[in-house]
Amino acid sequence: MNTKPYVRPFPRYSWWLTKARYVRYMTREITSLFIAAYTGLLVIGLGTLADGKGAWDAYLAALQSPMGVAFHAVAFAFAVYHSATWFNVTPKAMPIEIAGKRLPDIAIIGAHYAVWVVVSAALFLLSVGG
């Protein structure tokens, strides 16, 4: 008689590839690394701004290089994915009740997208001087 308990084989490093839901979750988590890297890039920019005009000009030149533009494109794509996936799970993380009735998921998601569009438009108008 075998006294060892049965242990189901489980992929140690590729478990998240077993279901599409896990892949979406891990992709969202990986995008947060790019958000953190972009945040670090902005903090470095503040440091170069404090160091004077020469350092700031060098920082801007680095951002305008092909690698800088490519990083911005990838970071932007990941930021959009990260934000959209978060907005889509918000009703589960933050269910809202009004007068004892739960607000429909589409209303919560739609409100997040609407605020995102309004804030983005306002920042765009401020950046172009309008």
N, C-alpha and C. Protein backbone atom coordinates (compact mmCIF):
# COMPACT_ATOMS: atom_id res chain seq x y z
N MET A 1 0.84 -1.18 0.00
CA MET A 1 0.00 0.00 0.00
C MET A 1 0.88 1.24 0.00
N ASN A 2 0.52 2.21 -0.81
CA ASN A 2 1.28 3.45 -0.92
C ASN A 2 0.76 4.44 0.13
N THR A 3 1.65 4.97 0.96
CA THR A 3 1.23 5.90 2.01
C THR A 3 1.49 7.35 1.65
N LYS A 4 2.08 7.59 0.51
CA LYS A 4 2.33 8.97 0.09
C LYS A 4 1.06 9.58 -0.49
N PRO A 5 0.72 10.79 -0.10
CA PRO A 5 -0.49 11.41 -0.66
C PRO A 5 -0.26 11.80 -2.11
N TYR A 6 -1.33 11.81 -2.86
CA TYR A 6 -1.25 12.21 -4.26
C TYR A 6 -1.05 13.72 -4.33
N VAL A 7 -0.07 14.12 -5.07
CA VAL A 7 0.19 15.54 -5.30
C VAL A 7 0.03 15.78 -6.80
N ARG A 8 -0.94 16.60 -7.12
CA ARG A 8 -1.22 16.90 -8.52
C ARG A 8 -0.06 17.68 -9.12
N PRO A 9 0.42 17.28 -10.29
CA PRO A 9 1.51 18.03 -10.91
C PRO A 9 1.05 19.44 -11.28
N PHE A 10 1.87 20.40 -10.99
CA PHE A 10 1.52 21.79 -11.22
C PHE A 10 2.74 22.50 -11.82
N PRO A 11 2.57 23.17 -12.95
CA PRO A 11 3.72 23.86 -13.54
C PRO A 11 4.21 24.98 -12.63
N ARG A 12 5.47 24.93 -12.30
CA ARG A 12 6.01 25.87 -11.31
C ARG A 12 6.07 27.30 -11.84
N TYR A 13 6.55 27.47 -13.05
CA TYR A 13 6.74 28.83 -13.58
C TYR A 13 5.74 29.23 -14.65
N SER A 14 5.04 28.28 -15.20
CA SER A 14 4.12 28.61 -16.30
C SER A 14 2.65 28.39 -15.92
N TRP A 15 2.35 28.39 -14.63
CA TRP A 15 0.98 28.17 -14.19
C TRP A 15 0.02 29.19 -14.79
N TRP A 16 0.50 30.42 -14.99
CA TRP A 16 -0.37 31.48 -15.46
C TRP A 16 -0.70 31.34 -16.94
N LEU A 17 -0.03 30.42 -17.64
CA LEU A 17 -0.32 30.19 -19.05
C LEU A 17 -1.42 29.15 -19.25
N THR A 18 -1.94 28.60 -18.15
CA THR A 18 -2.92 27.53 -18.27
C THR A 18 -4.33 28.03 -18.59
N LYS A 19 -4.64 29.26 -18.25
CA LYS A 19 -5.97 29.81 -18.53
C LYS A 19 -5.84 31.24 -19.03
N ALA A 20 -6.72 31.63 -19.94
CA ALA A 20 -6.69 32.99 -20.51
C ALA A 20 -6.88 34.04 -19.43
N ARG A 21 -7.68 33.74 -18.44
CA ARG A 21 -7.92 34.68 -17.34
C ARG A 21 -6.64 34.98 -16.58
N TYR A 22 -5.84 33.94 -16.36
CA TYR A 22 -4.57 34.12 -15.67
C TYR A 22 -3.59 34.93 -16.52
N VAL A 23 -3.61 34.71 -17.82
CA VAL A 23 -2.72 35.45 -18.73
C VAL A 23 -3.06 36.94 -18.68
N ARG A 24 -4.35 37.26 -18.71
CA ARG A 24 -4.77 38.67 -18.64
C ARG A 24 -4.35 39.29 -17.31
N TYR A 25 -4.51 38.52 -16.24
CA TYR A 25 -4.13 39.02 -14.92
C TYR A 25 -2.62 39.29 -14.86
N MET A 26 -1.82 38.34 -15.31
CA MET A 26 -0.37 38.51 -15.24
C MET A 26 0.11 39.61 -16.19
N THR A 27 -0.54 39.74 -17.32
CA THR A 27 -0.19 40.83 -18.24
C THR A 27 -0.45 42.17 -17.57
N ARG A 28 -1.55 42.28 -16.89
CA ARG A 28 -1.85 43.52 -16.18
C ARG A 28 -0.82 43.79 -15.10
N GLU A 29 -0.42 42.77 -14.39
CA GLU A 29 0.59 42.95 -13.34
C GLU A 29 1.94 43.33 -13.93
N ILE A 30 2.30 42.76 -15.07
CA ILE A 30 3.57 43.10 -15.71
C ILE A 30 3.56 44.54 -16.21
N THR A 31 2.41 45.00 -16.67
CA THR A 31 2.34 46.39 -17.13
C THR A 31 2.63 47.37 -16.00
N SER A 32 2.36 46.98 -14.78
CA SER A 32 2.64 47.88 -13.66
C SER A 32 4.14 48.13 -13.51
N LEU A 33 4.97 47.21 -13.97
CA LEU A 33 6.42 47.43 -13.93
C LEU A 33 6.80 48.58 -14.87
N PHE A 34 6.16 48.64 -16.03
CA PHE A 34 6.43 49.74 -16.95
C PHE A 34 5.90 51.06 -16.42
N ILE A 35 4.79 51.01 -15.71
CA ILE A 35 4.26 52.23 -15.08
C ILE A 35 5.26 52.72 -14.03
N ALA A 36 5.82 51.79 -13.27
CA ALA A 36 6.82 52.16 -12.26
C ALA A 36 8.09 52.71 -12.93
N ALA A 37 8.51 52.11 -14.03
CA ALA A 37 9.70 52.60 -14.74
C ALA A 37 9.46 54.01 -15.29
N TYR A 38 8.27 54.25 -15.81
CA TYR A 38 7.96 55.58 -16.32
C TYR A 38 7.92 56.60 -15.18
N THR A 39 7.38 56.20 -14.05
CA THR A 39 7.37 57.08 -12.88
C THR A 39 8.80 57.41 -12.47
N GLY A 40 9.66 56.40 -12.48
CA GLY A 40 11.08 56.64 -12.18
C GLY A 40 11.71 57.60 -13.17
N LEU A 41 11.36 57.48 -14.44
CA LEU A 41 11.88 58.38 -15.46
C LEU A 41 11.44 59.82 -15.19
N LEU A 42 10.21 60.00 -14.75
CA LEU A 42 9.74 61.35 -14.41
C LEU A 42 10.46 61.91 -13.18
N VAL A 43 10.74 61.06 -12.21
CA VAL A 43 11.49 61.50 -11.02
C VAL A 43 12.91 61.91 -11.42
N ILE A 44 13.52 61.14 -12.30
CA ILE A 44 14.85 61.51 -12.80
C ILE A 44 14.78 62.86 -13.50
N GLY A 45 13.70 63.08 -14.25
CA GLY A 45 13.52 64.36 -14.93
C GLY A 45 13.44 65.51 -13.94
N LEU A 46 12.76 65.31 -12.83
CA LEU A 46 12.72 66.36 -11.81
C LEU A 46 14.11 66.65 -11.25
N GLY A 47 14.89 65.59 -11.08
CA GLY A 47 16.27 65.78 -10.61
C GLY A 47 17.11 66.56 -11.60
N THR A 48 16.95 66.26 -12.90
CA THR A 48 17.73 66.99 -13.90
C THR A 48 17.25 68.43 -14.01
N LEU A 49 15.97 68.65 -13.79
CA LEU A 49 15.45 70.03 -13.80
C LEU A 49 16.08 70.83 -12.67
N ALA A 50 16.25 70.20 -11.53
CA ALA A 50 16.88 70.88 -10.39
C ALA A 50 18.37 71.11 -10.61
N ASP A 51 19.00 70.30 -11.48
CA ASP A 51 20.43 70.42 -11.74
C ASP A 51 20.78 71.54 -12.71
N GLY A 52 19.81 72.11 -13.36
CA GLY A 52 20.09 73.25 -14.23
C GLY A 52 19.73 73.00 -15.68
N LYS A 53 19.91 74.04 -16.48
CA LYS A 53 19.49 74.01 -17.88
C LYS A 53 20.23 72.96 -18.69
N GLY A 54 21.53 72.80 -18.48
CA GLY A 54 22.31 71.83 -19.25
C GLY A 54 21.83 70.41 -19.02
N ALA A 55 21.60 70.07 -17.76
CA ALA A 55 21.12 68.72 -17.44
C ALA A 55 19.72 68.50 -18.00
N TRP A 56 18.88 69.52 -17.90
CA TRP A 56 17.52 69.41 -18.42
C TRP A 56 17.51 69.22 -19.94
N ASP A 57 18.37 69.99 -20.64
CA ASP A 57 18.45 69.85 -22.10
C ASP A 57 18.93 68.46 -22.49
N ALA A 58 19.89 67.91 -21.75
CA ALA A 58 20.38 66.56 -22.03
C ALA A 58 19.27 65.52 -21.78
N TYR A 59 18.50 65.72 -20.74
CA TYR A 59 17.38 64.83 -20.43
C TYR A 59 16.35 64.86 -21.56
N LEU A 60 16.01 66.06 -22.02
CA LEU A 60 15.05 66.17 -23.12
C LEU A 60 15.58 65.54 -24.40
N ALA A 61 16.87 65.71 -24.65
CA ALA A 61 17.48 65.08 -25.83
C ALA A 61 17.40 63.56 -25.73
N ALA A 62 17.62 63.02 -24.55
CA ALA A 62 17.52 61.57 -24.36
C ALA A 62 16.09 61.08 -24.58
N LEU A 63 15.11 61.86 -24.14
CA LEU A 63 13.72 61.47 -24.34
C LEU A 63 13.33 61.51 -25.81
N GLN A 64 13.99 62.37 -26.59
CA GLN A 64 13.66 62.50 -28.00
C GLN A 64 14.45 61.55 -28.89
N SER A 65 15.34 60.77 -28.30
CA SER A 65 16.09 59.78 -29.07
C SER A 65 15.15 58.66 -29.49
N PRO A 66 15.55 57.85 -30.48
CA PRO A 66 14.68 56.74 -30.89
C PRO A 66 14.34 55.78 -29.74
N MET A 67 15.30 55.51 -28.87
CA MET A 67 15.03 54.63 -27.73
C MET A 67 14.03 55.29 -26.76
N GLY A 68 14.17 56.60 -26.57
CA GLY A 68 13.25 57.32 -25.69
C GLY A 68 11.83 57.32 -26.24
N VAL A 69 11.71 57.54 -27.53
CA VAL A 69 10.39 57.54 -28.17
C VAL A 69 9.78 56.13 -28.11
N ALA A 70 10.60 55.12 -28.36
CA ALA A 70 10.11 53.73 -28.30
C ALA A 70 9.65 53.39 -26.89
N PHE A 71 10.42 53.81 -25.88
CA PHE A 71 10.01 53.55 -24.50
C PHE A 71 8.70 54.23 -24.19
N HIS A 72 8.54 55.47 -24.65
CA HIS A 72 7.28 56.19 -24.41
C HIS A 72 6.11 55.48 -25.09
N ALA A 73 6.32 54.98 -26.29
CA ALA A 73 5.24 54.28 -27.01
C ALA A 73 4.83 53.01 -26.26
N VAL A 74 5.82 52.24 -25.82
CA VAL A 74 5.52 51.00 -25.09
C VAL A 74 4.87 51.33 -23.75
N ALA A 75 5.41 52.31 -23.05
CA ALA A 75 4.84 52.70 -21.75
C ALA A 75 3.42 53.21 -21.92
N PHE A 76 3.15 53.96 -22.98
CA PHE A 76 1.80 54.45 -23.22
C PHE A 76 0.83 53.30 -23.48
N ALA A 77 1.24 52.36 -24.32
CA ALA A 77 0.38 51.21 -24.62
C ALA A 77 0.09 50.42 -23.34
N PHE A 78 1.11 50.21 -22.52
CA PHE A 78 0.91 49.47 -21.28
C PHE A 78 0.06 50.27 -20.29
N ALA A 79 0.21 51.58 -20.27
CA ALA A 79 -0.60 52.41 -19.38
C ALA A 79 -2.08 52.35 -19.78
N VAL A 80 -2.34 52.36 -21.07
CA VAL A 80 -3.73 52.26 -21.54
C VAL A 80 -4.30 50.89 -21.18
N TYR A 81 -3.53 49.81 -21.41
CA TYR A 81 -3.99 48.47 -21.06
C TYR A 81 -4.23 48.36 -19.56
N HIS A 82 -3.29 48.86 -18.78
CA HIS A 82 -3.39 48.79 -17.33
C HIS A 82 -4.63 49.54 -16.83
N SER A 83 -4.84 50.73 -17.36
CA SER A 83 -6.00 51.53 -16.94
C SER A 83 -7.31 50.88 -17.37
N ALA A 84 -7.37 50.42 -18.60
CA ALA A 84 -8.61 49.82 -19.10
C ALA A 84 -8.96 48.56 -18.32
N THR A 85 -7.98 47.73 -18.03
CA THR A 85 -8.29 46.50 -17.28
C THR A 85 -8.69 46.84 -15.85
N TRP A 86 -8.10 47.88 -15.29
CA TRP A 86 -8.51 48.26 -13.93
C TRP A 86 -9.93 48.81 -13.94
N PHE A 87 -10.25 49.64 -14.90
CA PHE A 87 -11.60 50.19 -14.99
C PHE A 87 -12.63 49.05 -15.12
N ASN A 88 -12.27 48.01 -15.85
CA ASN A 88 -13.20 46.91 -16.08
C ASN A 88 -13.41 46.04 -14.84
N VAL A 89 -12.47 46.02 -13.91
CA VAL A 89 -12.67 45.24 -12.68
C VAL A 89 -13.16 46.10 -11.52
N THR A 90 -13.24 47.40 -11.72
CA THR A 90 -13.65 48.30 -10.64
C THR A 90 -15.00 47.93 -10.02
N PRO A 91 -16.01 47.55 -10.81
CA PRO A 91 -17.29 47.21 -10.16
C PRO A 91 -17.17 46.03 -9.18
N LYS A 92 -16.22 45.15 -9.40
CA LYS A 92 -16.03 44.04 -8.47
C LYS A 92 -15.27 44.50 -7.23
N ALA A 93 -14.34 45.43 -7.41
CA ALA A 93 -13.54 45.92 -6.29
C ALA A 93 -14.28 47.00 -5.51
N MET A 94 -15.17 47.74 -6.17
CA MET A 94 -15.85 48.85 -5.54
C MET A 94 -17.33 48.88 -5.93
N PRO A 95 -18.12 47.91 -5.46
CA PRO A 95 -19.55 47.95 -5.79
C PRO A 95 -20.22 49.13 -5.08
N ILE A 96 -21.03 49.85 -5.82
CA ILE A 96 -21.68 51.04 -5.27
C ILE A 96 -23.18 50.79 -5.16
N GLU A 97 -23.71 51.11 -3.99
CA GLU A 97 -25.15 50.99 -3.77
C GLU A 97 -25.75 52.38 -3.57
N ILE A 98 -26.86 52.61 -4.26
CA ILE A 98 -27.60 53.87 -4.10
C ILE A 98 -29.04 53.49 -3.78
N ALA A 99 -29.50 53.96 -2.65
CA ALA A 99 -30.86 53.67 -2.16
C ALA A 99 -31.12 52.17 -2.10
N GLY A 100 -30.11 51.42 -1.66
CA GLY A 100 -30.26 49.98 -1.49
C GLY A 100 -30.15 49.17 -2.76
N LYS A 101 -29.96 49.82 -3.90
CA LYS A 101 -29.80 49.12 -5.17
C LYS A 101 -28.37 49.25 -5.65
N ARG A 102 -27.86 48.15 -6.15
CA ARG A 102 -26.49 48.17 -6.67
C ARG A 102 -26.47 48.85 -8.02
N LEU A 103 -25.52 49.77 -8.17
CA LEU A 103 -25.35 50.48 -9.44
C LEU A 103 -24.87 49.49 -10.50
N PRO A 104 -25.42 49.54 -11.71
CA PRO A 104 -24.98 48.60 -12.75
C PRO A 104 -23.48 48.76 -13.04
N ASP A 105 -22.85 47.64 -13.37
CA ASP A 105 -21.42 47.65 -13.66
C ASP A 105 -21.07 48.63 -14.77
N ILE A 106 -21.91 48.69 -15.80
CA ILE A 106 -21.62 49.55 -16.95
C ILE A 106 -21.61 51.02 -16.54
N ALA A 107 -22.40 51.39 -15.54
CA ALA A 107 -22.41 52.79 -15.09
C ALA A 107 -21.10 53.13 -14.39
N ILE A 108 -20.58 52.21 -13.59
CA ILE A 108 -19.31 52.45 -12.89
C ILE A 108 -18.17 52.51 -13.89
N ILE A 109 -18.14 51.54 -14.80
CA ILE A 109 -17.09 51.50 -15.82
C ILE A 109 -17.17 52.74 -16.71
N GLY A 110 -18.39 53.08 -17.15
CA GLY A 110 -18.57 54.24 -18.02
C GLY A 110 -18.15 55.54 -17.35
N ALA A 111 -18.43 55.65 -16.05
CA ALA A 111 -18.02 56.87 -15.32
C ALA A 111 -16.50 56.99 -15.29
N HIS A 112 -15.81 55.87 -15.10
CA HIS A 112 -14.36 55.92 -15.09
C HIS A 112 -13.80 56.35 -16.46
N TYR A 113 -14.35 55.77 -17.52
CA TYR A 113 -13.89 56.15 -18.86
C TYR A 113 -14.21 57.61 -19.16
N ALA A 114 -15.38 58.08 -18.73
CA ALA A 114 -15.77 59.47 -18.98
C ALA A 114 -14.82 60.43 -18.27
N VAL A 115 -14.49 60.14 -17.02
CA VAL A 115 -13.55 61.00 -16.29
C VAL A 115 -12.18 60.94 -16.95
N TRP A 116 -11.77 59.77 -17.40
CA TRP A 116 -10.48 59.61 -18.08
C TRP A 116 -10.42 60.50 -19.33
N VAL A 117 -11.49 60.49 -20.12
CA VAL A 117 -11.53 61.30 -21.33
C VAL A 117 -11.51 62.79 -20.99
N VAL A 118 -12.29 63.20 -20.00
CA VAL A 118 -12.35 64.62 -19.63
C VAL A 118 -10.98 65.10 -19.11
N VAL A 119 -10.36 64.34 -18.23
CA VAL A 119 -9.06 64.74 -17.70
C VAL A 119 -8.01 64.76 -18.80
N SER A 120 -8.03 63.76 -19.69
CA SER A 120 -7.07 63.73 -20.79
C SER A 120 -7.26 64.93 -21.71
N ALA A 121 -8.51 65.27 -22.02
CA ALA A 121 -8.78 66.42 -22.88
C ALA A 121 -8.33 67.72 -22.21
N ALA A 122 -8.59 67.84 -20.91
CA ALA A 122 -8.17 69.05 -20.20
C ALA A 122 -6.64 69.18 -20.20
N LEU A 123 -5.95 68.08 -19.96
CA LEU A 123 -4.48 68.12 -19.98
C LEU A 123 -3.96 68.43 -21.37
N PHE A 124 -4.61 67.89 -22.38
CA PHE A 124 -4.21 68.19 -23.76
C PHE A 124 -4.38 69.68 -24.06
N LEU A 125 -5.52 70.23 -23.67
CA LEU A 125 -5.77 71.65 -23.92
C LEU A 125 -4.78 72.52 -23.15
N LEU A 126 -4.44 72.13 -21.94
CA LEU A 126 -3.43 72.89 -21.19
C LEU A 126 -2.06 72.81 -21.84
N SER A 127 -1.75 71.66 -22.42
CA SER A 127 -0.41 71.48 -23.02
C SER A 127 -0.24 72.26 -24.32
N VAL A 128 -1.33 72.48 -25.05
CA VAL A 128 -1.22 73.23 -26.30
C VAL A 128 -1.52 74.71 -26.10
N GLY A 129 -1.79 75.08 -24.87
CA GLY A 129 -1.99 76.51 -24.58
C GLY A 129 -3.40 76.99 -24.89
N GLY A 130 -4.36 76.08 -25.00
CA GLY A 130 -5.72 76.49 -25.37
C GLY A 130 -6.52 76.73 -24.17
